[in-house]
PDB file of N, CA and C in Angstrom:
ATOM      1  N   MET A   1     -21.238  -6.195 -24.480  1.00  0.00           N
ATOM      2  CA  MET A   1     -20.921  -7.353 -25.037  1.00  0.00           C
ATOM      3  C   MET A   1     -21.036  -8.534 -22.812  1.00  0.00           C
ATOM      4  N   GLN A   2     -20.169  -7.607 -21.667  1.00  0.00           N
ATOM      5  CA  GLN A   2     -20.049  -8.199 -20.479  1.00  0.00           C
ATOM      6  C   GLN A   2     -21.683  -9.062 -20.462  1.00  0.00           C
ATOM      7  N   LYS A   3     -22.778  -7.950 -20.551  1.00  0.00           N
ATOM      8  CA  LYS A   3     -23.975  -8.671 -20.011  1.00  0.00           C
ATOM      9  C   LYS A   3     -24.703  -9.560 -20.626  1.00  0.00           C
ATOM     10  N   GLN A   4     -23.977  -9.706 -21.406  1.00  0.00           N
ATOM     11  CA  GLN A   4     -24.712 -10.620 -22.704  1.00  0.00           C
ATOM     12  C   GLN A   4     -23.621 -11.716 -21.982  1.00  0.00           C
ATOM     13  N   VAL A   5     -22.661 -11.809 -21.971  1.00  0.00           N
ATOM     14  CA  VAL A   5     -21.505 -13.055 -21.665  1.00  0.00           C
ATOM     15  C   VAL A   5     -22.366 -13.527 -20.427  1.00  0.00           C
ATOM     16  N   MET A   6     -22.797 -12.631 -19.379  1.00  0.00           N
ATOM     17  CA  MET A   6     -22.728 -12.987 -17.798  1.00  0.00           C
ATOM     18  C   MET A   6     -23.981 -13.583 -18.201  1.00  0.00           C
ATOM     19  N   ALA A   7     -24.936 -13.188 -18.933  1.00  0.00           N
ATOM     20  CA  ALA A   7     -26.749 -13.816 -19.154  1.00  0.00           C
ATOM     21  C   ALA A   7     -26.310 -14.974 -19.880  1.00  0.00           C
ATOM     22  N   LEU A   8     -25.679 -15.296 -20.364  1.00  0.00           N
ATOM     23  CA  LEU A   8     -25.736 -16.615 -21.376  1.00  0.00           C
ATOM     24  C   LEU A   8     -24.603 -17.615 -20.406  1.00  0.00           C
ATOM     25  N   THR A   9     -23.355 -17.175 -19.386  1.00  0.00           N
ATOM     26  CA  THR A   9     -22.952 -17.829 -18.388  1.00  0.00           C
ATOM     27  C   THR A   9     -23.885 -17.920 -17.751  1.00  0.00           C
ATOM     28  N   ARG A  10     -25.240 -17.257 -17.344  1.00  0.00           N
ATOM     29  CA  ARG A  10     -26.137 -17.491 -16.427  1.00  0.00           C
ATOM     30  C   ARG A  10     -26.927 -18.827 -16.500  1.00  0.00           C
ATOM     31  N   ASN A  11     -27.229 -18.585 -17.679  1.00  0.00           N
ATOM     32  CA  ASN A  11     -27.945 -19.593 -18.311  1.00  0.00           C
ATOM     33  C   ASN A  11     -27.452 -21.213 -18.544  1.00  0.00           C
ATOM     34  N   LEU A  12     -26.386 -21.083 -19.111  1.00  0.00           N
ATOM     35  CA  LEU A  12     -25.484 -22.476 -18.831  1.00  0.00           C
ATOM     36  C   LEU A  12     -25.394 -22.925 -17.475  1.00  0.00           C
ATOM     37  N   LEU A  13     -24.761 -22.673 -16.575  1.00  0.00           N
ATOM     38  CA  LEU A  13     -25.160 -23.019 -15.258  1.00  0.00           C
ATOM     39  C   LEU A  13     -26.203 -23.401 -14.948  1.00  0.00           C
ATOM     40  N   SER A  14     -27.917 -23.013 -15.103  1.00  0.00           N
ATOM     41  CA  SER A  14     -28.818 -23.469 -14.864  1.00  0.00           C
ATOM     42  C   SER A  14     -29.289 -24.186 -15.438  1.00  0.00           C
ATOM     43  N   ASN A  15     -28.805 -24.758 -17.078  1.00  0.00           N
ATOM     44  CA  ASN A  15     -29.365 -25.602 -17.906  1.00  0.00           C
ATOM     45  C   ASN A  15     -28.516 -26.950 -17.467  1.00  0.00           C
ATOM     46  N   GLY A  16     -27.246 -26.892 -16.190  1.00  0.00           N
ATOM     47  CA  GLY A  16     -26.131 -27.822 -15.897  1.00  0.00           C
ATOM     48  C   GLY A  16     -25.237 -27.842 -16.550  1.00  0.00           C
ATOM     49  N   VAL A  17     -24.569 -27.205 -17.500  1.00  0.00           N
ATOM     50  CA  VAL A  17     -23.491 -27.226 -17.873  1.00  0.00           C
ATOM     51  C   VAL A  17     -22.362 -27.719 -17.406  1.00  0.00           C
ATOM     52  N   PHE A  18     -22.200 -27.322 -16.581  1.00  0.00           N
ATOM     53  CA  PHE A  18     -21.486 -27.439 -15.722  1.00  0.00           C
ATOM     54  C   PHE A  18     -21.076 -27.595 -14.153  1.00  0.00           C
ATOM     55  N   ASN A  19     -21.978 -28.486 -14.445  1.00  0.00           N
ATOM     56  CA  ASN A  19     -22.214 -29.755 -12.991  1.00  0.00           C
ATOM     57  C   ASN A  19     -21.359 -30.305 -12.838  1.00  0.00           C
ATOM     58  N   HIS A  20     -20.252 -30.964 -13.820  1.00  0.00           N
ATOM     59  CA  HIS A  20     -19.188 -31.931 -13.709  1.00  0.00           C
ATOM     60  C   HIS A  20     -18.024 -31.046 -12.664  1.00  0.00           C
ATOM     61  N   LEU A  21     -17.998 -29.607 -13.012  1.00  0.00           N
ATOM     62  CA  LEU A  21     -17.048 -28.625 -12.382  1.00  0.00           C
ATOM     63  C   LEU A  21     -16.575 -29.065 -11.265  1.00  0.00           C
ATOM     64  N   SER A  22     -15.519 -28.907 -10.351  1.00  0.00           N
ATOM     65  CA  SER A  22     -15.454 -28.719  -9.145  1.00  0.00           C
ATOM     66  C   SER A  22     -16.087 -27.676  -8.262  1.00  0.00           C
ATOM     67  N   ASP A  23     -16.416 -28.078  -7.097  1.00  0.00           N
ATOM     68  CA  ASP A  23     -16.996 -26.521  -6.042  1.00  0.00           C
ATOM     69  C   ASP A  23     -15.947 -25.825  -6.256  1.00  0.00           C
ATOM     70  N   ALA A  24     -14.966 -25.782  -6.436  1.00  0.00           N
ATOM     71  CA  ALA A  24     -14.108 -24.236  -5.910  1.00  0.00           C
ATOM     72  C   ALA A  24     -13.998 -23.751  -7.753  1.00  0.00           C
ATOM     73  N   ALA A  25     -14.593 -24.689  -9.028  1.00  0.00           N
ATOM     74  CA  ALA A  25     -14.504 -23.570  -9.984  1.00  0.00           C
ATOM     75  C   ALA A  25     -15.592 -23.031 -10.104  1.00  0.00           C
ATOM     76  N   LEU A  26     -17.072 -23.910  -9.222  1.00  0.00           N
ATOM     77  CA  LEU A  26     -17.745 -23.031  -9.727  1.00  0.00           C
ATOM     78  C   LEU A  26     -17.996 -22.395  -8.219  1.00  0.00           C
ATOM     79  N   SER A  27     -17.659 -22.312  -7.396  1.00  0.00           N
ATOM     80  CA  SER A  27     -17.764 -21.103  -6.793  1.00  0.00           C
ATOM     81  C   SER A  27     -16.752 -19.557  -6.930  1.00  0.00           C
ATOM     82  N   ARG A  28     -15.436 -19.996  -7.874  1.00  0.00           N
ATOM     83  CA  ARG A  28     -14.913 -18.883  -8.884  1.00  0.00           C
ATOM     84  C   ARG A  28     -16.410 -18.120 -10.013  1.00  0.00           C
ATOM     85  N   MET A  29     -16.717 -19.540 -10.389  1.00  0.00           N
ATOM     86  CA  MET A  29     -17.156 -18.636 -11.466  1.00  0.00           C
ATOM     87  C   MET A  29     -18.613 -17.427 -11.190  1.00  0.00           C
ATOM     88  N   GLN A  30     -18.930 -18.265 -10.110  1.00  0.00           N
ATOM     89  CA  GLN A  30     -20.144 -17.732  -9.313  1.00  0.00           C
ATOM     90  C   GLN A  30     -19.622 -15.784  -8.809  1.00  0.00           C
ATOM     91  N   TRP A  31     -18.449 -16.125  -8.511  1.00  0.00           N
ATOM     92  CA  TRP A  31     -17.922 -14.636  -7.822  1.00  0.00           C
ATOM     93  C   TRP A  31     -17.429 -13.356  -9.144  1.00  0.00           C
ATOM     94  N   LEU A  32     -17.479 -14.781 -10.128  1.00  0.00           N
ATOM     95  CA  LEU A  32     -17.099 -13.309 -11.199  1.00  0.00           C
ATOM     96  C   LEU A  32     -18.385 -13.162 -12.182  1.00  0.00           C
ATOM     97  N   LEU A  33     -19.231 -13.735 -11.482  1.00  0.00           N
ATOM     98  CA  LEU A  33     -20.916 -13.221 -11.676  1.00  0.00           C
ATOM     99  C   LEU A  33     -21.059 -12.079 -11.180  1.00  0.00           C
ATOM    100  N   LEU A  34     -21.150 -12.358 -10.223  1.00  0.00           N
ATOM    101  CA  LEU A  34     -21.031 -11.009  -9.300  1.00  0.00           C
ATOM    102  C   LEU A  34     -20.111  -9.530  -9.257  1.00  0.00           C
ATOM    103  N   THR A  35     -19.204  -9.823  -9.536  1.00  0.00           N
ATOM    104  CA  THR A  35     -18.057  -8.849  -9.862  1.00  0.00           C
ATOM    105  C   THR A  35     -19.178  -7.796 -11.571  1.00  0.00           C
ATOM    106  N   ARG A  36     -18.806  -6.833 -11.148  1.00  0.00           N
ATOM    107  CA  ARG A  36     -19.341  -5.626 -12.534  1.00  0.00           C
ATOM    108  C   ARG A  36     -18.740  -5.331 -12.988  1.00  0.00           C
ATOM    109  N   ASN A  37     -17.918  -4.306 -12.266  1.00  0.00           N
ATOM    110  CA  ASN A  37     -16.416  -3.509 -13.106  1.00  0.00           C
ATOM    111  C   ASN A  37     -15.462  -3.914 -13.493  1.00  0.00           C
ATOM    112  N   ASN A  38     -15.263  -5.147 -13.727  1.00  0.00           N
ATOM    113  CA  ASN A  38     -14.176  -5.875 -14.442  1.00  0.00           C
ATOM    114  C   ASN A  38     -13.734  -6.066 -15.738  1.00  0.00           C
ATOM    115  N   SER A  39     -12.871  -5.546 -16.283  1.00  0.00           N
ATOM    116  CA  SER A  39     -12.935  -5.732 -17.997  1.00  0.00           C
ATOM    117  C   SER A  39     -12.514  -6.849 -18.437  1.00  0.00           C
ATOM    118  N   ASN A  40     -11.819  -7.831 -17.194  1.00  0.00           N
ATOM    119  CA  ASN A  40     -11.111  -9.264 -17.598  1.00  0.00           C
ATOM    120  C   ASN A  40     -12.515 -10.230 -17.378  1.00  0.00           C
ATOM    121  N   VAL A  41     -13.395  -9.647 -16.618  1.00  0.00           N
ATOM    122  CA  VAL A  41     -14.820 -10.924 -16.281  1.00  0.00           C
ATOM    123  C   VAL A  41     -14.892 -11.404 -17.487  1.00  0.00           C
ATOM    124  N   THR A  42     -15.610 -10.760 -18.889  1.00  0.00           N
ATOM    125  CA  THR A  42     -15.843 -11.423 -19.895  1.00  0.00           C
ATOM    126  C   THR A  42     -14.908 -12.331 -20.616  1.00  0.00           C
ATOM    127  N   THR A  43     -13.617 -12.144 -20.459  1.00  0.00           N
ATOM    128  CA  THR A  43     -12.738 -13.023 -20.958  1.00  0.00           C
ATOM    129  C   THR A  43     -12.534 -14.214 -19.751  1.00  0.00           C
ATOM    130  N   GLN A  44     -12.477 -14.299 -18.796  1.00  0.00           N
ATOM    131  CA  GLN A  44     -12.400 -15.136 -18.044  1.00  0.00           C
ATOM    132  C   GLN A  44     -13.812 -15.934 -17.848  1.00  0.00           C
ATOM    133  N   LEU A  45     -15.155 -15.777 -17.801  1.00  0.00           N
ATOM    134  CA  LEU A  45     -15.737 -16.413 -18.209  1.00  0.00           C
ATOM    135  C   LEU A  45     -16.113 -17.176 -19.618  1.00  0.00           C
ATOM    136  N   MET A  46     -15.850 -16.724 -20.598  1.00  0.00           N
ATOM    137  CA  MET A  46     -15.676 -17.190 -21.923  1.00  0.00           C
ATOM    138  C   MET A  46     -15.015 -18.564 -21.585  1.00  0.00           C
ATOM    139  N   GLN A  47     -14.123 -18.672 -21.021  1.00  0.00           N
ATOM    140  CA  GLN A  47     -12.945 -19.591 -20.691  1.00  0.00           C
ATOM    141  C   GLN A  47     -13.763 -20.804 -19.948  1.00  0.00           C
ATOM    142  N   TYR A  48     -14.071 -20.514 -19.373  1.00  0.00           N
ATOM    143  CA  TYR A  48     -15.218 -21.576 -18.290  1.00  0.00           C
ATOM    144  C   TYR A  48     -15.957 -21.926 -19.606  1.00  0.00           C
ATOM    145  N   TRP A  49     -16.598 -21.628 -20.497  1.00  0.00           N
ATOM    146  CA  TRP A  49     -17.107 -22.092 -21.941  1.00  0.00           C
ATOM    147  C   TRP A  49     -16.375 -23.105 -22.369  1.00  0.00           C
ATOM    148  N   TYR A  50     -15.858 -23.668 -22.303  1.00  0.00           N
ATOM    149  CA  TYR A  50     -14.384 -24.457 -23.045  1.00  0.00           C
ATOM    150  C   TYR A  50     -14.782 -25.752 -22.078  1.00  0.00           C
ATOM    151  N   SER A  51     -14.921 -25.798 -20.854  1.00  0.00           N
ATOM    152  CA  SER A  51     -15.197 -27.177 -20.502  1.00  0.00           C
ATOM    153  C   SER A  51     -16.392 -27.602 -20.042  1.00  0.00           C
ATOM    154  N   GLY A  52     -17.581 -26.614 -20.999  1.00  0.00           N
ATOM    155  CA  GLY A  52     -19.097 -26.855 -20.491  1.00  0.00           C
ATOM    156  C   GLY A  52     -19.010 -28.344 -21.165  1.00  0.00           C
ATOM    157  N   ASN A  53     -19.990 -29.054 -20.859  1.00  0.00           N
ATOM    158  CA  ASN A  53     -20.491 -30.403 -20.694  1.00  0.00           C
ATOM    159  C   ASN A  53     -21.582 -30.359 -21.497  1.00  0.00           C
ATOM    160  N   TYR A  54     -21.775 -29.776 -22.895  1.00  0.00           N
ATOM    161  CA  TYR A  54     -22.709 -29.730 -23.675  1.00  0.00           C
ATOM    162  C   TYR A  54     -24.136 -30.518 -24.085  1.00  0.00           C
ATOM    163  N   PHE A  55     -23.564 -31.772 -24.197  1.00  0.00           N
ATOM    164  CA  PHE A  55     -24.394 -32.407 -24.556  1.00  0.00           C
ATOM    165  C   PHE A  55     -25.638 -33.717 -23.727  1.00  0.00           C
ATOM    166  N   THR A  56     -24.458 -34.068 -22.780  1.00  0.00           N
ATOM    167  CA  THR A  56     -24.834 -34.981 -21.654  1.00  0.00           C
ATOM    168  C   THR A  56     -25.797 -34.514 -21.016  1.00  0.00           C
ATOM    169  N   THR A  57     -25.989 -33.413 -20.783  1.00  0.00           N
ATOM    170  CA  THR A  57     -27.029 -33.192 -19.515  1.00  0.00           C
ATOM    171  C   THR A  57     -27.901 -31.865 -20.264  1.00  0.00           C
ATOM    172  N   GLY A  58     -28.528 -32.131 -21.647  1.00  0.00           N
ATOM    173  CA  GLY A  58     -29.954 -32.358 -21.862  1.00  0.00           C
ATOM    174  C   GLY A  58     -29.813 -30.710 -22.094  1.00  0.00           C
ATOM    175  N   ALA A  59     -28.596 -30.094 -22.523  1.00  0.00           N
ATOM    176  CA  ALA A  59     -29.326 -28.320 -22.853  1.00  0.00           C
ATOM    177  C   ALA A  59     -29.311 -28.356 -23.654  1.00  0.00           C
ATOM    178  N   PRO A  60     -30.253 -27.038 -24.095  1.00  0.00           N
ATOM    179  CA  PRO A  60     -31.089 -26.484 -25.056  1.00  0.00           C
ATOM    180  C   PRO A  60     -29.192 -26.682 -26.138  1.00  0.00           C
ATOM    181  N   GLN A  61     -29.305 -27.083 -27.298  1.00  0.00           N
ATOM    182  CA  GLN A  61     -28.249 -27.039 -28.119  1.00  0.00           C
ATOM    183  C   GLN A  61     -28.308 -25.483 -28.624  1.00  0.00           C
ATOM    184  N   ASP A  62     -28.863 -24.633 -28.508  1.00  0.00           N
ATOM    185  CA  ASP A  62     -28.679 -23.011 -29.019  1.00  0.00           C
ATOM    186  C   ASP A  62     -27.997 -22.662 -28.171  1.00  0.00           C
ATOM    187  N   LEU A  63     -27.756 -23.013 -26.991  1.00  0.00           N
ATOM    188  CA  LEU A  63     -26.819 -22.465 -26.082  1.00  0.00           C
ATOM    189  C   LEU A  63     -25.163 -23.074 -26.105  1.00  0.00           C
ATOM    190  N   PHE A  64     -25.002 -23.948 -26.688  1.00  0.00           N
ATOM    191  CA  PHE A  64     -23.732 -24.198 -27.317  1.00  0.00           C
ATOM    192  C   PHE A  64     -23.459 -23.398 -28.710  1.00  0.00           C
ATOM    193  N   HIS A  65     -24.418 -23.087 -29.781  1.00  0.00           N
ATOM    194  CA  HIS A  65     -24.042 -22.541 -30.567  1.00  0.00           C
ATOM    195  C   HIS A  65     -24.069 -20.797 -30.727  1.00  0.00           C
ATOM    196  N   GLN A  66     -24.806 -20.597 -29.243  1.00  0.00           N
ATOM    197  CA  GLN A  66     -24.446 -18.959 -28.817  1.00  0.00           C
ATOM    198  C   GLN A  66     -22.989 -18.570 -28.323  1.00  0.00           C
ATOM    199  N   CYS A  67     -22.716 -20.020 -27.705  1.00  0.00           N
ATOM    200  CA  CYS A  67     -21.429 -19.639 -27.025  1.00  0.00           C
ATOM    201  C   CYS A  67     -19.616 -19.653 -28.240  1.00  0.00           C
ATOM    202  N   ASN A  68     -20.256 -20.670 -29.264  1.00  0.00           N
ATOM    203  CA  ASN A  68     -19.584 -20.630 -29.992  1.00  0.00           C
ATOM    204  C   ASN A  68     -19.599 -18.753 -31.005  1.00  0.00           C
ATOM    205  N   LEU A  69     -20.842 -18.277 -31.076  1.00  0.00           N
ATOM    206  CA  LEU A  69     -20.618 -17.308 -31.705  1.00  0.00           C
ATOM    207  C   LEU A  69     -20.089 -15.765 -31.106  1.00  0.00           C
ATOM    208  N   PHE A  70     -20.563 -16.447 -29.736  1.00  0.00           N
ATOM    209  CA  PHE A  70     -19.506 -15.279 -28.863  1.00  0.00           C
ATOM    210  C   PHE A  70     -18.382 -15.099 -29.045  1.00  0.00           C
ATOM    211  N   LEU A  71     -17.813 -16.410 -28.959  1.00  0.00           N
ATOM    212  CA  LEU A  71     -16.079 -16.657 -28.769  1.00  0.00           C
ATOM    213  C   LEU A  71     -16.143 -15.740 -30.255  1.00  0.00           C
ATOM    214  N   MET A  72     -16.143 -16.395 -31.219  1.00  0.00           N
ATOM    215  CA  MET A  72     -15.867 -15.904 -32.287  1.00  0.00           C
ATOM    216  C   MET A  72     -16.208 -14.612 -32.574  1.00  0.00           C
ATOM    217  N   GLN A  73     -16.954 -14.033 -32.142  1.00  0.00           N
ATOM    218  CA  GLN A  73     -17.321 -11.930 -32.444  1.00  0.00           C
ATOM    219  C   GLN A  73     -15.715 -12.012 -31.436  1.00  0.00           C
ATOM    220  N   ALA A  74     -15.362 -12.923 -30.349  1.00  0.00           N
ATOM    221  CA  ALA A  74     -14.126 -11.972 -29.279  1.00  0.00           C
ATOM    222  C   ALA A  74     -12.954 -12.660 -30.419  1.00  0.00           C
ATOM    223  N   GLY A  75     -12.722 -12.906 -31.457  1.00  0.00           N
ATOM    224  CA  GLY A  75     -11.670 -13.688 -32.126  1.00  0.00           C
ATOM    225  C   GLY A  75     -11.304 -14.814 -31.217  1.00  0.00           C
ATOM    226  N   LYS A  76     -12.052 -15.564 -30.450  1.00  0.00           N
ATOM    227  CA  LYS A  76     -11.272 -16.425 -30.281  1.00  0.00           C
ATOM    228  C   LYS A  76     -11.871 -18.120 -30.378  1.00  0.00           C
ATOM    229  N   PRO A  77     -10.850 -18.975 -30.558  1.00  0.00           N
ATOM    230  CA  PRO A  77     -11.373 -20.659 -31.173  1.00  0.00           C
ATOM    231  C   PRO A  77     -12.916 -20.942 -30.897  1.00  0.00           C
ATOM    232  N   ALA A  78     -13.456 -21.563 -31.781  1.00  0.00           N
ATOM    233  CA  ALA A  78     -15.044 -22.005 -31.781  1.00  0.00           C
ATOM    234  C   ALA A  78     -14.773 -23.305 -30.480  1.00  0.00           C
ATOM    235  N   ILE A  79     -15.657 -23.465 -30.019  1.00  0.00           N
ATOM    236  CA  ILE A  79     -15.310 -24.836 -28.733  1.00  0.00           C
ATOM    237  C   ILE A  79     -15.724 -26.416 -29.920  1.00  0.00           C
ATOM    238  N   ASP A  80     -14.973 -26.815 -30.103  1.00  0.00           N
ATOM    239  CA  ASP A  80     -15.164 -27.978 -30.581  1.00  0.00           C
ATOM    240  C   ASP A  80     -15.511 -29.229 -30.037  1.00  0.00           C
ATOM    241  N   VAL A  81     -16.133 -29.559 -30.726  1.00  0.00           N
ATOM    242  CA  VAL A  81     -16.855 -31.307 -29.704  1.00  0.00           C
ATOM    243  C   VAL A  81     -17.466 -32.244 -30.850  1.00  0.00           C
ATOM    244  N   PHE A  82     -16.514 -33.424 -30.663  1.00  0.00           N
ATOM    245  CA  PHE A  82     -16.547 -34.423 -31.604  1.00  0.00           C
ATOM    246  C   PHE A  82     -17.616 -35.542 -30.601  1.00  0.00           C
ATOM    247  N   MET A  83     -18.740 -35.918 -31.657  1.00  0.00           N
ATOM    248  CA  MET A  83     -19.799 -36.533 -31.346  1.00  0.00           C
ATOM    249  C   MET A  83     -18.994 -37.937 -31.517  1.00  0.00           C
ATOM    250  N   TYR A  84     -19.648 -38.936 -30.251  1.00  0.00           N
ATOM    251  CA  TYR A  84     -19.389 -40.765 -30.450  1.00  0.00           C
ATOM    252  C   TYR A  84     -20.132 -41.060 -31.273  1.00  0.00           C
ATOM    253  N   ASP A  85     -19.906 -41.999 -31.845  1.00  0.00           N
ATOM    254  CA  ASP A  85     -20.600 -42.426 -32.893  1.00  0.00           C
ATOM    255  C   ASP A  85     -20.438 -44.126 -32.515  1.00  0.00           C
ATOM    256  N   GLU A  86     -21.503 -44.578 -31.467  1.00  0.00           N
ATOM    257  CA  GLU A  86     -21.974 -45.940 -31.284  1.00  0.00           C
ATOM    258  C   GLU A  86     -21.452 -46.851 -32.399  1.00  0.00           C
ATOM    259  N   THR A  87     -22.105 -46.493 -33.161  1.00  0.00           N
ATOM    260  CA  THR A  87     -21.939 -47.717 -34.271  1.00  0.00           C
ATOM    261  C   THR A  87     -20.290 -47.862 -35.207  1.00  0.00           C
ATOM    262  N   GLU A  88     -19.388 -46.987 -34.599  1.00  0.00           N
ATOM    263  CA  GLU A  88     -18.222 -46.927 -34.839  1.00  0.00           C
ATOM    264  C   GLU A  88     -17.065 -47.874 -33.936  1.00  0.00           C
ATOM    265  N   ALA A  89     -18.211 -48.007 -33.198  1.00  0.00           N
ATOM    266  CA  ALA A  89     -16.812 -48.494 -32.134  1.00  0.00           C
ATOM    267  C   ALA A  89     -17.233 -50.203 -32.172  1.00  0.00           C
TER     268      ALA A  89
END
């Protein structure tokens, strides 16, 4: 599962989902992606997924769906996103 989580995180990075994060947070994420033999890497990378910006970056929606599938398989809560409806404003 670690390889899949790392690959998905790289895909999220390349699609700009984490562009709003600080340089320090992005550096930490890059360091985690380079770490191979740490069993905690998967959990730490998944934690970053909760801070992703999945809708304003134009990222493919299947990435969001894949994140939620992995999170639920790991026994973690899915990412909740409430879309803002301009007609209600």
